[in-house]
Amino acid sequence: MEQPKAMPDVRGDAARRALVLQYVTIAYNVVEGIIAIGAGLAAASVALVGFGVDSGVEIVAALLIAIRLRAAIRTGAVDERKEYRALRFVALTFFALGAFILFESVREIVTGAKPEKSLVGIVLTGVSIVTMSFLASAKRRTGLAMNSRLVVADAAETRLCVSLSVTTFLGLVAYALLGWTWLDAVAGLVIALFAVNEGRRAWSGELTCDG
């Protein structure tokens, strides 16, 4: 397993940008989660409620990383042991998210559940695709600039959330326009496998900063 050649740089502008990105992630996901769960309950939509749960997972991960970044910036040094534990925690959030998506996808297939028509859900997931794509790219660039495995792993989790946004969006649109009920569940299975693989990489330290 290849390790980063240097410790994360927490003294430069990249570290401060990384912290700001975590704050933006937290704020956006709070709003997104409230709207998604509210709209999902109102429309009895499993897909939207699940989307809101994903927002909660992202909030927890971003909050932990923000705490670690603030401590590192304040002291000017990285606590390797705490950084390692935080990276393991991010890996666990991948596993939790993958398990949740897998459960919901299998449940949809077995019960024949149909995603409800929801204009609010379509607009919300469409906005999230753009917003989370920007955050994922910005986090990865920043993580590479400061040589932080933790920030790079968080960028990978945000990319996973983009994938979930896309599948939820397509599932809602496909049902609203074409009456397709299978797309959401099948795509969910693929994303669940991706989440588990990314979690494994984060746990083993394979999400490194080598480009």
Foldseek 3Di string as FASTA:
>chain_A
DDAQPDDFFLADPLLVVLLVLLVVLLVVLVVQLVLQCVQCVVQVFPLSNLLSVLSVLLNVLSVLVNVQSVVCNVVVHHDVVSLLVSLLVLLVSLLVNLVVLLVVLVVCVVVVDAGGQDPSLLVSLVVLLVVLVVSLVSQLVSCLVRFRLSSLLSSVSSVLSSLSSVLSNCRNVCCVPPVDGNSSSVSSNVSSVVSNVSSVCSNVVVSGNPD
